[in-house]
Amino acid sequence: MGSTLIHSAAIKLFAKKGFAAASVKNISDEAGISIGLMYRHYKNKEDLFHELVAYAAEGLGRIVELFQSDGTPVELIRQFTMEILNALNNDDEYAQFQMLMNQSLSMDDQSPQIKQLAKKSEEMLQQLIQLIEKGQKLGQFKQGNAKEMAYFYFSAIQGLAMMKIMKNEDFITPSVEIVTSFLVEN
């Protein structure tokens, strides 16, 4: 349970303040635990950060598997989009985690965890491009440059995560139809 509290606190603070500005004390205070207990779980905030990044890479791996599964392209995109929108609608942690991943990928840190996250991020993008191309061939998706469409789709998801953090209680989660309207044929 202690590491779950620590993870939630760290995700929130890394997203809000950035990795450099968030201190071990800030994280332990946010988690409601002592600094000593924090250090029993993690040697330093870098170890905690790298564990969160590794967890993010695992999540991207699961998305790759989803995009490779047996459903039709339109079903898979709708399922994935619905999962993201439900996460955004239910709490702030998904949005904060998305911000953490974006920060990780733009850092100079070349740790194995961040390299793995970058690799999984690229795999996910390539898998989405292939899924869009397959959907276009089946007449489920609109025609166009699949890479451009994949970039737009993920930019929209990331933008929604940022809006969730900025707007908080005023955030309105859009429908699956709105998020996928540029992609899905009517």
Foldseek 3Di string as FASTA:
>chain_A
DLLVLLLQLLLVCCLVPNLVPDALVSSCVSSVHDSVVVCVVPVGVVRVLLVLLLVLLVVLVVLLVLLVDDDQLVVSLLVVLVVLLVVLVPDLNVLSSLSSLVSLQPDPDPDPSSVSSVVSVVSSLVSQLVNLVRCVVVVFWDDDRSSVVSVLLVVVSNVLSVCCVVVPVNRDRDHSCVSCVNIGDD
